[in-house]
Amino acid sequence: MQHHFWHNKWEKGEIGFHQDDTHPMLMRFANELGFAGPCRVLVPLCGKSHDMTYLLKRGCEVIGVELSQVAVEQYFAAQDIVPDIAQRGDLLRYKAPGITLFCGDFFALKPEYIGSVDAVYDRAALVALPASMRMAYCQQVLTLAPQAKQLLITFEYDQSALPGPPFAIPFAEIHQYYGKHREVTELISEPLAGGLKGTVPATEHAWLIGSAPR
């Protein structure tokens, strides 16, 4: 899972992908998608995202998964929270009221570790993975949260102009990953202000991965 690449990013503080504010598409669709208590929300590859705090303030229970221990510990330190830490299989579980973050490989997470999940919020997971890993990732999401709706945020841009991550993911790929199992609905599509990494014109999309297709 490109462990060395992501560990290096966090250890060197090269985290341009981390946003200082809550993602506007999450705020825009939180009510519509029922992201409010007592909704249990899975956040794959969560980093130390402020989006988790936004969900907590809405009364959600957050279950995050993050490869970097640096990111997990920085999140709790920023919130002035001292979590309970325990081993769970191959993962370290950091637990505090309303939030549990698992540190380690996302593919090591098992359904019995997290219980039932009502929703998935994917802002930075699918777009962070190379094409060779995306199908397995989406299958893991469906295994962990088989009944959950999902808010998925992706980018489209000229991949030849920028190597990624984040990677460009067109609709055809999303349909390939989820279309056999779920209804895929585009919620919004809009130009990314300033372009991707301030250089490449890009479009940002929000998708609802909903119930099984009829």
N, C-alpha and C. Protein backbone atom coordinates (compact mmCIF):
# COMPACT_ATOMS: atom_id res chain seq x y z
N MET A 1 0.84 -1.21 0.00
CA MET A 1 0.00 0.00 0.00
C MET A 1 0.87 1.25 0.00
N GLN A 2 2.04 1.15 -0.64
CA GLN A 2 2.94 2.29 -0.74
C GLN A 2 3.25 2.86 0.64
N HIS A 3 3.47 1.98 1.60
CA HIS A 3 3.66 2.42 2.98
C HIS A 3 4.81 3.42 3.09
N HIS A 4 5.92 3.09 2.47
CA HIS A 4 7.10 3.94 2.60
C HIS A 4 6.82 5.34 2.08
N PHE A 5 6.14 5.43 0.94
CA PHE A 5 5.81 6.73 0.34
C PHE A 5 5.03 7.60 1.32
N TRP A 6 3.97 7.05 1.91
CA TRP A 6 3.10 7.85 2.78
C TRP A 6 3.74 8.13 4.13
N HIS A 7 4.49 7.17 4.66
CA HIS A 7 5.21 7.44 5.92
C HIS A 7 6.19 8.60 5.73
N ASN A 8 6.89 8.61 4.60
CA ASN A 8 7.83 9.70 4.32
C ASN A 8 7.13 11.04 4.24
N LYS A 9 5.96 11.07 3.58
CA LYS A 9 5.21 12.31 3.45
C LYS A 9 4.90 12.90 4.83
N TRP A 10 4.41 12.06 5.73
CA TRP A 10 4.02 12.55 7.06
C TRP A 10 5.24 12.91 7.90
N GLU A 11 6.26 12.10 7.83
CA GLU A 11 7.44 12.38 8.64
C GLU A 11 8.15 13.66 8.21
N LYS A 12 8.09 13.97 6.92
CA LYS A 12 8.72 15.19 6.40
C LYS A 12 7.78 16.39 6.42
N GLY A 13 6.52 16.15 6.80
CA GLY A 13 5.54 17.24 6.81
C GLY A 13 5.11 17.67 5.42
N GLU A 14 5.29 16.79 4.42
CA GLU A 14 4.90 17.10 3.05
C GLU A 14 3.44 16.68 2.86
N ILE A 15 2.54 17.47 3.44
CA ILE A 15 1.13 17.07 3.49
C ILE A 15 0.25 18.15 2.88
N GLY A 16 0.59 18.50 1.62
CA GLY A 16 -0.22 19.47 0.90
C GLY A 16 -1.65 19.01 0.71
N PHE A 17 -1.87 17.69 0.80
CA PHE A 17 -3.21 17.14 0.67
C PHE A 17 -4.07 17.41 1.90
N HIS A 18 -3.44 17.75 3.02
CA HIS A 18 -4.20 18.05 4.24
C HIS A 18 -4.82 19.43 4.12
N GLN A 19 -6.12 19.53 4.41
CA GLN A 19 -6.82 20.80 4.33
C GLN A 19 -7.03 21.38 5.72
N ASP A 20 -6.88 22.69 5.82
CA ASP A 20 -7.03 23.35 7.11
C ASP A 20 -8.49 23.60 7.48
N ASP A 21 -9.38 23.43 6.52
CA ASP A 21 -10.80 23.67 6.77
C ASP A 21 -11.61 22.44 6.39
N THR A 22 -12.85 22.40 6.86
CA THR A 22 -13.76 21.33 6.47
C THR A 22 -14.05 21.42 4.98
N HIS A 23 -14.10 20.29 4.33
CA HIS A 23 -14.34 20.28 2.89
C HIS A 23 -15.73 20.82 2.59
N PRO A 24 -15.85 21.80 1.67
CA PRO A 24 -17.15 22.41 1.40
C PRO A 24 -18.20 21.43 0.87
N MET A 25 -17.77 20.40 0.16
CA MET A 25 -18.75 19.43 -0.35
C MET A 25 -19.33 18.58 0.76
N LEU A 26 -18.54 18.32 1.79
CA LEU A 26 -19.07 17.62 2.96
C LEU A 26 -20.11 18.48 3.65
N MET A 27 -19.80 19.75 3.86
CA MET A 27 -20.76 20.64 4.52
C MET A 27 -22.03 20.80 3.68
N ARG A 28 -21.86 20.83 2.37
CA ARG A 28 -23.01 21.03 1.47
C ARG A 28 -23.99 19.86 1.52
N PHE A 29 -23.46 18.63 1.63
CA PHE A 29 -24.32 17.45 1.51
C PHE A 29 -24.51 16.69 2.81
N ALA A 30 -23.98 17.18 3.91
CA ALA A 30 -24.08 16.47 5.18
C ALA A 30 -25.53 16.23 5.60
N ASN A 31 -26.36 17.25 5.48
CA ASN A 31 -27.76 17.09 5.86
C ASN A 31 -28.48 16.12 4.93
N GLU A 32 -28.27 16.30 3.63
CA GLU A 32 -28.94 15.47 2.63
C GLU A 32 -28.61 13.98 2.81
N LEU A 33 -27.37 13.70 3.21
CA LEU A 33 -26.94 12.31 3.34
C LEU A 33 -27.11 11.77 4.76
N GLY A 34 -27.64 12.60 5.65
CA GLY A 34 -27.89 12.13 7.00
C GLY A 34 -26.65 11.98 7.86
N PHE A 35 -25.64 12.81 7.58
CA PHE A 35 -24.43 12.77 8.40
C PHE A 35 -24.67 13.55 9.69
N ALA A 36 -25.39 12.93 10.58
CA ALA A 36 -25.69 13.51 11.89
C ALA A 36 -25.95 12.36 12.85
N GLY A 37 -25.88 12.65 14.15
CA GLY A 37 -26.07 11.61 15.14
C GLY A 37 -27.39 10.91 14.96
N PRO A 38 -27.42 9.59 15.17
CA PRO A 38 -26.34 8.70 15.65
C PRO A 38 -25.59 7.99 14.52
N CYS A 39 -25.44 8.63 13.37
CA CYS A 39 -24.79 8.02 12.21
C CYS A 39 -23.35 7.61 12.53
N ARG A 40 -22.99 6.38 12.19
CA ARG A 40 -21.62 5.90 12.35
C ARG A 40 -20.93 5.99 10.99
N VAL A 41 -19.87 6.79 10.91
CA VAL A 41 -19.24 7.11 9.64
C VAL A 41 -17.82 6.55 9.59
N LEU A 42 -17.55 5.77 8.56
CA LEU A 42 -16.21 5.25 8.30
C LEU A 42 -15.46 6.23 7.40
N VAL A 43 -14.24 6.61 7.81
CA VAL A 43 -13.43 7.55 7.04
C VAL A 43 -12.10 6.87 6.69
N PRO A 44 -12.00 6.25 5.51
CA PRO A 44 -10.75 5.58 5.13
C PRO A 44 -9.64 6.59 4.85
N LEU A 45 -8.41 6.20 5.16
CA LEU A 45 -7.23 7.02 4.92
C LEU A 45 -7.47 8.45 5.41
N CYS A 46 -7.84 8.55 6.67
CA CYS A 46 -8.38 9.80 7.23
C CYS A 46 -7.34 10.86 7.52
N GLY A 47 -6.06 10.49 7.62
CA GLY A 47 -5.05 11.48 8.00
C GLY A 47 -5.40 12.11 9.33
N LYS A 48 -5.27 13.44 9.41
CA LYS A 48 -5.69 14.17 10.61
C LYS A 48 -6.76 15.18 10.23
N SER A 49 -7.63 14.77 9.31
CA SER A 49 -8.58 15.66 8.66
C SER A 49 -9.52 16.36 9.64
N HIS A 50 -9.72 17.66 9.41
CA HIS A 50 -10.70 18.43 10.18
C HIS A 50 -12.12 17.97 9.88
N ASP A 51 -12.30 17.27 8.78
CA ASP A 51 -13.63 16.76 8.45
C ASP A 51 -14.15 15.83 9.54
N MET A 52 -13.26 15.11 10.19
CA MET A 52 -13.69 14.21 11.27
C MET A 52 -14.26 15.00 12.44
N THR A 53 -13.63 16.12 12.76
CA THR A 53 -14.13 16.96 13.85
C THR A 53 -15.48 17.55 13.50
N TYR A 54 -15.65 17.92 12.23
CA TYR A 54 -16.95 18.42 11.76
C TYR A 54 -18.04 17.35 11.96
N LEU A 55 -17.73 16.12 11.60
CA LEU A 55 -18.69 15.03 11.78
C LEU A 55 -18.99 14.79 13.25
N LEU A 56 -17.97 14.86 14.07
CA LEU A 56 -18.17 14.70 15.52
C LEU A 56 -19.10 15.77 16.07
N LYS A 57 -18.92 16.99 15.64
CA LYS A 57 -19.75 18.09 16.13
C LYS A 57 -21.20 17.94 15.68
N ARG A 58 -21.42 17.18 14.61
CA ARG A 58 -22.78 16.90 14.15
C ARG A 58 -23.39 15.71 14.87
N GLY A 59 -22.65 15.14 15.80
CA GLY A 59 -23.17 14.03 16.58
C GLY A 59 -22.87 12.67 16.01
N CYS A 60 -22.08 12.62 14.93
CA CYS A 60 -21.72 11.33 14.34
C CYS A 60 -20.68 10.62 15.20
N GLU A 61 -20.65 9.31 15.09
CA GLU A 61 -19.53 8.53 15.62
C GLU A 61 -18.59 8.27 14.46
N VAL A 62 -17.32 8.57 14.62
CA VAL A 62 -16.35 8.49 13.54
C VAL A 62 -15.43 7.29 13.76
N ILE A 63 -15.27 6.49 12.69
CA ILE A 63 -14.30 5.40 12.68
C ILE A 63 -13.33 5.68 11.54
N GLY A 64 -12.11 6.08 11.87
CA GLY A 64 -11.13 6.41 10.86
C GLY A 64 -10.06 5.34 10.75
N VAL A 65 -9.42 5.29 9.60
CA VAL A 65 -8.31 4.36 9.37
C VAL A 65 -7.19 5.15 8.71
N GLU A 66 -5.99 5.05 9.26
CA GLU A 66 -4.87 5.84 8.74
C GLU A 66 -3.57 5.06 8.89
N LEU A 67 -2.77 5.06 7.84
CA LEU A 67 -1.51 4.33 7.85
C LEU A 67 -0.48 4.96 8.79
N SER A 68 -0.44 6.29 8.82
CA SER A 68 0.62 7.00 9.54
C SER A 68 0.28 7.22 11.02
N GLN A 69 1.13 6.72 11.89
CA GLN A 69 0.96 6.96 13.32
C GLN A 69 1.18 8.44 13.65
N VAL A 70 2.04 9.09 12.89
CA VAL A 70 2.26 10.53 13.07
C VAL A 70 0.95 11.28 12.88
N ALA A 71 0.20 10.97 11.84
CA ALA A 71 -1.06 11.65 11.57
C ALA A 71 -2.08 11.41 12.68
N VAL A 72 -2.18 10.16 13.11
CA VAL A 72 -3.15 9.81 14.16
C VAL A 72 -2.84 10.56 15.45
N GLU A 73 -1.58 10.55 15.85
CA GLU A 73 -1.21 11.20 17.10
C GLU A 73 -1.35 12.71 17.00
N GLN A 74 -1.06 13.29 15.83
CA GLN A 74 -1.23 14.73 15.65
C GLN A 74 -2.71 15.12 15.72
N TYR A 75 -3.58 14.26 15.21
CA TYR A 75 -5.01 14.58 15.28
C TYR A 75 -5.46 14.69 16.74
N PHE A 76 -5.16 13.69 17.53
CA PHE A 76 -5.61 13.71 18.92
C PHE A 76 -4.93 14.83 19.71
N ALA A 77 -3.66 15.10 19.42
CA ALA A 77 -2.96 16.18 20.12
C ALA A 77 -3.61 17.52 19.80
N ALA A 78 -3.99 17.73 18.54
CA ALA A 78 -4.63 18.99 18.15
C ALA A 78 -5.98 19.19 18.83
N GLN A 79 -6.65 18.08 19.14
CA GLN A 79 -7.95 18.16 19.82
C GLN A 79 -7.81 18.13 21.34
N ASP A 80 -6.55 18.03 21.81
CA ASP A 80 -6.28 17.94 23.25
C ASP A 80 -7.01 16.75 23.87
N ILE A 81 -6.93 15.62 23.18
CA ILE A 81 -7.57 14.39 23.62
C ILE A 81 -6.49 13.34 23.86
N VAL A 82 -6.62 12.62 24.96
CA VAL A 82 -5.73 11.50 25.25
C VAL A 82 -6.52 10.22 25.02
N PRO A 83 -6.28 9.53 23.90
CA PRO A 83 -7.07 8.34 23.60
C PRO A 83 -6.57 7.10 24.34
N ASP A 84 -7.45 6.13 24.44
CA ASP A 84 -7.05 4.80 24.92
C ASP A 84 -6.45 4.06 23.73
N ILE A 85 -5.28 3.46 23.91
CA ILE A 85 -4.58 2.80 22.81
C ILE A 85 -4.48 1.31 23.11
N ALA A 86 -4.88 0.49 22.12
CA ALA A 86 -4.82 -0.95 22.29
C ALA A 86 -4.53 -1.61 20.94
N GLN A 87 -3.94 -2.80 20.99
CA GLN A 87 -3.69 -3.56 19.77
C GLN A 87 -4.97 -4.25 19.32
N ARG A 88 -5.25 -4.18 18.04
CA ARG A 88 -6.41 -4.88 17.47
C ARG A 88 -5.93 -5.57 16.20
N GLY A 89 -5.61 -6.86 16.34
CA GLY A 89 -5.01 -7.56 15.20
C GLY A 89 -3.69 -6.92 14.83
N ASP A 90 -3.54 -6.57 13.56
CA ASP A 90 -2.31 -5.92 13.09
C ASP A 90 -2.37 -4.40 13.19
N LEU A 91 -3.42 -3.88 13.80
CA LEU A 91 -3.64 -2.44 13.88
C LEU A 91 -3.54 -1.95 15.32
N LEU A 92 -3.20 -0.66 15.45
CA LEU A 92 -3.31 0.00 16.75
C LEU A 92 -4.62 0.77 16.77
N ARG A 93 -5.41 0.57 17.82
CA ARG A 93 -6.70 1.26 17.93
C ARG A 93 -6.58 2.40 18.93
N TYR A 94 -6.86 3.62 18.47
CA TYR A 94 -6.89 4.81 19.32
C TYR A 94 -8.36 5.17 19.53
N LYS A 95 -8.81 5.13 20.77
CA LYS A 95 -10.24 5.30 21.02
C LYS A 95 -10.48 6.41 22.04
N ALA A 96 -11.46 7.26 21.72
CA ALA A 96 -11.91 8.33 22.61
C ALA A 96 -13.42 8.47 22.39
N PRO A 97 -14.12 9.18 23.27
CA PRO A 97 -15.57 9.32 23.10
C PRO A 97 -15.93 9.83 21.70
N GLY A 98 -16.72 9.04 20.99
CA GLY A 98 -17.21 9.44 19.68
C GLY A 98 -16.30 9.14 18.52
N ILE A 99 -15.05 8.77 18.78
CA ILE A 99 -14.11 8.58 17.67
C ILE A 99 -13.14 7.44 17.96
N THR A 100 -12.94 6.62 16.95
CA THR A 100 -11.95 5.54 17.00
C THR A 100 -11.12 5.61 15.73
N LEU A 101 -9.80 5.71 15.88
CA LEU A 101 -8.91 5.70 14.73
C LEU A 101 -8.04 4.46 14.79
N PHE A 102 -8.02 3.72 13.68
CA PHE A 102 -7.17 2.55 13.57
C PHE A 102 -5.93 2.93 12.78
N CYS A 103 -4.78 2.63 13.33
CA CYS A 103 -3.52 2.98 12.69
C CYS A 103 -2.91 1.73 12.08
N GLY A 104 -2.69 1.77 10.76
CA GLY A 104 -2.10 0.64 10.06
C GLY A 104 -2.69 0.51 8.67
N ASP A 105 -2.48 -0.64 8.08
CA ASP A 105 -2.91 -0.92 6.71
C ASP A 105 -4.42 -1.04 6.65
N PHE A 106 -5.05 -0.28 5.77
CA PHE A 106 -6.51 -0.32 5.62
C PHE A 106 -7.02 -1.72 5.34
N PHE A 107 -6.23 -2.52 4.62
CA PHE A 107 -6.66 -3.87 4.27
C PHE A 107 -6.59 -4.83 5.45
N ALA A 108 -5.99 -4.40 6.55
CA ALA A 108 -5.94 -5.23 7.76
C ALA A 108 -7.16 -5.02 8.65
N LEU A 109 -7.99 -4.03 8.32
CA LEU A 109 -9.18 -3.75 9.10
C LEU A 109 -10.25 -4.80 8.79
N LYS A 110 -10.90 -5.32 9.84
CA LYS A 110 -11.92 -6.35 9.68
C LYS A 110 -13.27 -5.83 10.18
N PRO A 111 -14.37 -6.31 9.59
CA PRO A 111 -15.69 -5.84 10.01
C PRO A 111 -15.95 -5.97 11.50
N GLU A 112 -15.44 -7.04 12.09
CA GLU A 112 -15.69 -7.24 13.53
C GLU A 112 -14.96 -6.22 14.40
N TYR A 113 -13.97 -5.54 13.86
CA TYR A 113 -13.27 -4.51 14.62
C TYR A 113 -14.12 -3.24 14.76
N ILE A 114 -15.02 -3.01 13.82
CA ILE A 114 -15.72 -1.72 13.77
C ILE A 114 -17.22 -1.81 13.97
N GLY A 115 -17.81 -2.99 13.78
CA GLY A 115 -19.26 -3.12 13.92
C GLY A 115 -19.99 -2.51 12.73
N SER A 116 -21.26 -2.25 12.88
CA SER A 116 -22.07 -1.75 11.77
C SER A 116 -21.70 -0.30 11.44
N VAL A 117 -21.78 0.02 10.16
CA VAL A 117 -21.44 1.36 9.66
C VAL A 117 -22.61 1.88 8.85
N ASP A 118 -23.00 3.13 9.10
CA ASP A 118 -24.12 3.74 8.38
C ASP A 118 -23.70 4.49 7.13
N ALA A 119 -22.48 5.02 7.12
CA ALA A 119 -22.04 5.85 6.01
C ALA A 119 -20.52 5.79 5.88
N VAL A 120 -20.06 6.08 4.67
CA VAL A 120 -18.62 6.17 4.38
C VAL A 120 -18.36 7.55 3.80
N TYR A 121 -17.30 8.17 4.27
CA TYR A 121 -16.89 9.46 3.71
C TYR A 121 -15.48 9.31 3.16
N ASP A 122 -15.36 9.38 1.84
CA ASP A 122 -14.08 9.20 1.17
C ASP A 122 -13.72 10.47 0.41
N ARG A 123 -12.91 11.30 1.04
CA ARG A 123 -12.42 12.51 0.38
C ARG A 123 -11.03 12.32 -0.19
N ALA A 124 -10.21 11.48 0.45
CA ALA A 124 -8.80 11.44 0.09
C ALA A 124 -8.25 10.02 -0.01
N ALA A 125 -9.10 9.02 -0.07
CA ALA A 125 -8.61 7.64 -0.11
C ALA A 125 -8.51 7.11 -1.53
N LEU A 126 -9.63 7.01 -2.23
CA LEU A 126 -9.60 6.45 -3.58
C LEU A 126 -8.66 7.24 -4.48
N VAL A 127 -8.69 8.56 -4.37
CA VAL A 127 -7.84 9.40 -5.24
C VAL A 127 -6.35 9.30 -4.89
N ALA A 128 -6.05 8.72 -3.73
CA ALA A 128 -4.65 8.59 -3.32
C ALA A 128 -4.02 7.30 -3.83
N LEU A 129 -4.84 6.39 -4.35
CA LEU A 129 -4.34 5.06 -4.69
C LEU A 129 -4.10 4.93 -6.19
N PRO A 130 -3.02 4.23 -6.58
CA PRO A 130 -2.79 3.96 -8.00
C PRO A 130 -3.87 3.02 -8.53
N ALA A 131 -4.02 2.99 -9.84
CA ALA A 131 -5.09 2.20 -10.46
C ALA A 131 -5.05 0.74 -10.06
N SER A 132 -3.85 0.20 -9.86
CA SER A 132 -3.70 -1.22 -9.54
C SER A 132 -4.30 -1.60 -8.19
N MET A 133 -4.55 -0.62 -7.32
CA MET A 133 -5.06 -0.90 -5.97
C MET A 133 -6.53 -0.52 -5.79
N ARG A 134 -7.11 0.18 -6.74
CA ARG A 134 -8.42 0.79 -6.49
C ARG A 134 -9.55 -0.23 -6.39
N MET A 135 -9.54 -1.26 -7.23
CA MET A 135 -10.61 -2.25 -7.15
C MET A 135 -10.59 -2.96 -5.80
N ALA A 136 -9.41 -3.36 -5.35
CA ALA A 136 -9.30 -4.04 -4.06
C ALA A 136 -9.74 -3.12 -2.93
N TYR A 137 -9.38 -1.84 -3.03
CA TYR A 137 -9.81 -0.88 -2.02
C TYR A 137 -11.33 -0.79 -1.96
N CYS A 138 -11.98 -0.65 -3.11
CA CYS A 138 -13.44 -0.51 -3.13
C CYS A 138 -14.12 -1.78 -2.63
N GLN A 139 -13.56 -2.93 -2.94
CA GLN A 139 -14.11 -4.18 -2.42
C GLN A 139 -13.98 -4.24 -0.90
N GLN A 140 -12.87 -3.72 -0.38
CA GLN A 140 -12.70 -3.68 1.07
C GLN A 140 -13.73 -2.75 1.72
N VAL A 141 -14.00 -1.61 1.08
CA VAL A 141 -15.03 -0.70 1.60
C VAL A 141 -16.38 -1.40 1.65
N LEU A 142 -16.73 -2.11 0.60
CA LEU A 142 -18.01 -2.82 0.56
C LEU A 142 -18.07 -3.94 1.60
N THR A 143 -16.94 -4.55 1.88
CA THR A 143 -16.88 -5.59 2.91
C THR A 143 -17.08 -4.99 4.30
N LEU A 144 -16.45 -3.86 4.55
CA LEU A 144 -16.53 -3.23 5.87
C LEU A 144 -17.87 -2.55 6.11
N ALA A 145 -18.47 -2.04 5.04
CA ALA A 145 -19.70 -1.25 5.19
C ALA A 145 -20.71 -1.67 4.11
N PRO A 146 -21.22 -2.89 4.19
CA PRO A 146 -22.03 -3.44 3.09
C PRO A 146 -23.36 -2.74 2.87
N GLN A 147 -23.90 -2.09 3.89
CA GLN A 147 -25.19 -1.42 3.76
C GLN A 147 -25.07 0.11 3.76
N ALA A 148 -23.87 0.62 3.83
CA ALA A 148 -23.67 2.05 4.05
C ALA A 148 -23.72 2.84 2.75
N LYS A 149 -24.31 4.03 2.82
CA LYS A 149 -24.19 5.00 1.73
C LYS A 149 -22.81 5.64 1.82
N GLN A 150 -22.39 6.26 0.72
CA GLN A 150 -21.05 6.83 0.70
C GLN A 150 -21.04 8.17 -0.03
N LEU A 151 -20.33 9.12 0.56
CA LEU A 151 -20.01 10.37 -0.11
C LEU A 151 -18.56 10.24 -0.59
N LEU A 152 -18.40 10.22 -1.91
CA LEU A 152 -17.09 10.04 -2.53
C LEU A 152 -16.72 11.30 -3.30
N ILE A 153 -15.53 11.81 -3.07
CA ILE A 153 -15.05 13.00 -3.76
C ILE A 153 -13.84 12.63 -4.63
N THR A 154 -13.91 13.03 -5.90
CA THR A 154 -12.85 12.68 -6.84
C THR A 154 -12.47 13.90 -7.69
N PHE A 155 -11.41 13.71 -8.48
CA PHE A 155 -10.94 14.74 -9.41
C PHE A 155 -10.89 14.17 -10.82
N GLU A 156 -11.08 15.06 -11.78
CA GLU A 156 -10.78 14.75 -13.18
C GLU A 156 -9.85 15.85 -13.70
N TYR A 157 -8.78 15.43 -14.35
CA TYR A 157 -7.83 16.37 -14.96
C TYR A 157 -6.95 15.58 -15.91
N ASP A 158 -6.11 16.26 -16.63
CA ASP A 158 -5.19 15.63 -17.57
C ASP A 158 -4.09 14.93 -16.76
N GLN A 159 -4.20 13.61 -16.63
CA GLN A 159 -3.25 12.87 -15.81
C GLN A 159 -1.83 12.97 -16.33
N SER A 160 -1.67 13.19 -17.64
CA SER A 160 -0.32 13.32 -18.20
C SER A 160 0.37 14.60 -17.76
N ALA A 161 -0.41 15.57 -17.25
CA ALA A 161 0.16 16.84 -16.82
C ALA A 161 0.64 16.80 -15.38
N LEU A 162 0.23 15.78 -14.64
CA LEU A 162 0.57 15.68 -13.23
C LEU A 162 0.54 14.20 -12.85
N PRO A 163 1.60 13.70 -12.23
CA PRO A 163 1.66 12.26 -11.99
C PRO A 163 0.71 11.76 -10.89
N GLY A 164 0.31 12.65 -9.97
CA GLY A 164 -0.50 12.19 -8.86
C GLY A 164 0.37 11.51 -7.81
N PRO A 165 -0.14 11.23 -6.61
CA PRO A 165 -1.52 11.53 -6.18
C PRO A 165 -1.72 13.02 -5.86
N PRO A 166 -3.00 13.48 -5.82
CA PRO A 166 -4.20 12.71 -6.10
C PRO A 166 -4.32 12.38 -7.59
N PHE A 167 -4.93 11.23 -7.87
CA PHE A 167 -5.07 10.77 -9.24
C PHE A 167 -6.41 11.19 -9.82
N ALA A 168 -6.44 11.30 -11.14
CA ALA A 168 -7.68 11.56 -11.85
C ALA A 168 -8.48 10.26 -11.93
N ILE A 169 -9.76 10.34 -11.61
CA ILE A 169 -10.61 9.15 -11.65
C ILE A 169 -11.90 9.49 -12.39
N PRO A 170 -12.03 9.07 -13.62
CA PRO A 170 -13.24 9.37 -14.39
C PRO A 170 -14.42 8.53 -13.93
N PHE A 171 -15.61 8.95 -14.36
CA PHE A 171 -16.83 8.24 -13.97
C PHE A 171 -16.79 6.77 -14.34
N ALA A 172 -16.24 6.45 -15.53
CA ALA A 172 -16.22 5.05 -15.97
C ALA A 172 -15.53 4.15 -14.96
N GLU A 173 -14.47 4.65 -14.34
CA GLU A 173 -13.78 3.86 -13.32
C GLU A 173 -14.65 3.69 -12.09
N ILE A 174 -15.28 4.76 -11.64
CA ILE A 174 -16.13 4.67 -10.45
C ILE A 174 -17.25 3.67 -10.68
N HIS A 175 -17.84 3.71 -11.88
CA HIS A 175 -18.89 2.75 -12.21
C HIS A 175 -18.34 1.33 -12.23
N GLN A 176 -17.11 1.18 -12.72
CA GLN A 176 -16.47 -0.14 -12.73
C GLN A 176 -16.30 -0.67 -11.31
N TYR A 177 -15.92 0.19 -10.39
CA TYR A 177 -15.65 -0.24 -9.02
C TYR A 177 -16.93 -0.51 -8.23
N TYR A 178 -17.94 0.36 -8.42
CA TYR A 178 -19.12 0.29 -7.57
C TYR A 178 -20.43 -0.03 -8.30
N GLY A 179 -20.46 0.14 -9.63
CA GLY A 179 -21.72 0.09 -10.36
C GLY A 179 -22.47 -1.23 -10.28
N LYS A 180 -21.75 -2.35 -10.15
CA LYS A 180 -22.42 -3.65 -10.06
C LYS A 180 -23.11 -3.85 -8.71
N HIS A 181 -22.69 -3.10 -7.73
CA HIS A 181 -23.17 -3.30 -6.37
C HIS A 181 -24.07 -2.18 -5.86
N ARG A 182 -23.85 -0.97 -6.39
CA ARG A 182 -24.55 0.20 -5.86
C ARG A 182 -24.99 1.14 -6.98
N GLU A 183 -25.97 1.97 -6.66
CA GLU A 183 -26.33 3.05 -7.56
C GLU A 183 -25.32 4.19 -7.37
N VAL A 184 -24.83 4.73 -8.48
CA VAL A 184 -23.84 5.81 -8.43
C VAL A 184 -24.48 7.07 -9.00
N THR A 185 -24.55 8.12 -8.18
CA THR A 185 -25.21 9.37 -8.58
C THR A 185 -24.26 10.54 -8.39
N GLU A 186 -24.10 11.35 -9.43
CA GLU A 186 -23.28 12.55 -9.28
C GLU A 186 -24.08 13.63 -8.56
N LEU A 187 -23.53 14.14 -7.48
CA LEU A 187 -24.19 15.19 -6.70
C LEU A 187 -23.83 16.58 -7.20
N ILE A 188 -22.57 16.75 -7.56
CA ILE A 188 -22.11 18.07 -8.02
C ILE A 188 -20.79 17.90 -8.75
N SER A 189 -20.54 18.81 -9.68
CA SER A 189 -19.28 18.86 -10.39
C SER A 189 -18.94 20.32 -10.59
N GLU A 190 -17.72 20.71 -10.19
CA GLU A 190 -17.35 22.11 -10.34
C GLU A 190 -15.84 22.26 -10.49
N PRO A 191 -15.40 23.32 -11.19
CA PRO A 191 -13.96 23.54 -11.35
C PRO A 191 -13.28 23.73 -10.00
N LEU A 192 -12.09 23.17 -9.88
CA LEU A 192 -11.32 23.33 -8.66
C LEU A 192 -10.62 24.68 -8.69
N ALA A 193 -10.94 25.53 -7.74
CA ALA A 193 -10.37 26.88 -7.71
C ALA A 193 -8.84 26.82 -7.67
N GLY A 194 -8.21 27.50 -8.59
CA GLY A 194 -6.75 27.55 -8.62
C GLY A 194 -6.10 26.35 -9.28
N GLY A 195 -6.90 25.35 -9.63
CA GLY A 195 -6.34 24.15 -10.25
C GLY A 195 -5.75 23.20 -9.23
N LEU A 196 -5.42 22.02 -9.67
CA LEU A 196 -4.83 21.02 -8.77
C LEU A 196 -3.37 21.35 -8.52
N LYS A 197 -3.02 21.44 -7.24
CA LYS A 197 -1.68 21.84 -6.82
C LYS A 197 -1.29 23.19 -7.41
N GLY A 198 -2.32 23.99 -7.71
CA GLY A 198 -2.09 25.34 -8.20
C GLY A 198 -1.56 25.42 -9.61
N THR A 199 -1.58 24.30 -10.36
CA THR A 199 -0.97 24.31 -11.69
C THR A 199 -1.87 23.74 -12.78
N VAL A 200 -2.60 22.67 -12.49
CA VAL A 200 -3.32 21.94 -13.53
C VAL A 200 -4.83 22.15 -13.39
N PRO A 201 -5.51 22.63 -14.43
CA PRO A 201 -6.97 22.76 -14.36
C PRO A 201 -7.61 21.41 -14.03
N ALA A 202 -8.57 21.43 -13.11
CA ALA A 202 -9.20 20.18 -12.68
C ALA A 202 -10.65 20.43 -12.31
N THR A 203 -11.42 19.38 -12.38
CA THR A 203 -12.81 19.41 -11.94
C THR A 203 -12.96 18.49 -10.74
N GLU A 204 -13.65 18.96 -9.73
CA GLU A 204 -13.90 18.17 -8.52
C GLU A 204 -15.35 17.68 -8.56
N HIS A 205 -15.52 16.42 -8.23
CA HIS A 205 -16.84 15.79 -8.27
C HIS A 205 -17.20 15.23 -6.90
N ALA A 206 -18.47 15.29 -6.56
CA ALA A 206 -19.00 14.59 -5.39
C ALA A 206 -20.00 13.56 -5.89
N TRP A 207 -19.87 12.34 -5.40
CA TRP A 207 -20.73 11.23 -5.82
C TRP A 207 -21.44 10.64 -4.60
N LEU A 208 -22.65 10.22 -4.80
CA LEU A 208 -23.36 9.41 -3.82
C LEU A 208 -23.32 7.96 -4.29
N ILE A 209 -22.67 7.12 -3.49
CA ILE A 209 -22.70 5.69 -3.73
C ILE A 209 -23.82 5.16 -2.83
N GLY A 210 -24.93 4.84 -3.45
CA GLY A 210 -26.14 4.58 -2.67
C GLY A 210 -26.46 3.11 -2.50
N SER A 211 -27.73 2.78 -2.56
CA SER A 211 -28.18 1.42 -2.33
C SER A 211 -27.91 0.54 -3.55
N ALA A 212 -28.13 -0.74 -3.41
CA ALA A 212 -27.90 -1.68 -4.51
C ALA A 212 -28.84 -1.35 -5.66
N PRO A 213 -28.35 -1.43 -6.92
CA PRO A 213 -29.21 -1.14 -8.07
C PRO A 213 -30.31 -2.17 -8.21
N ARG A 214 -31.46 -1.76 -8.70
CA ARG A 214 -32.58 -2.68 -8.88
C ARG A 214 -32.46 -3.44 -10.20
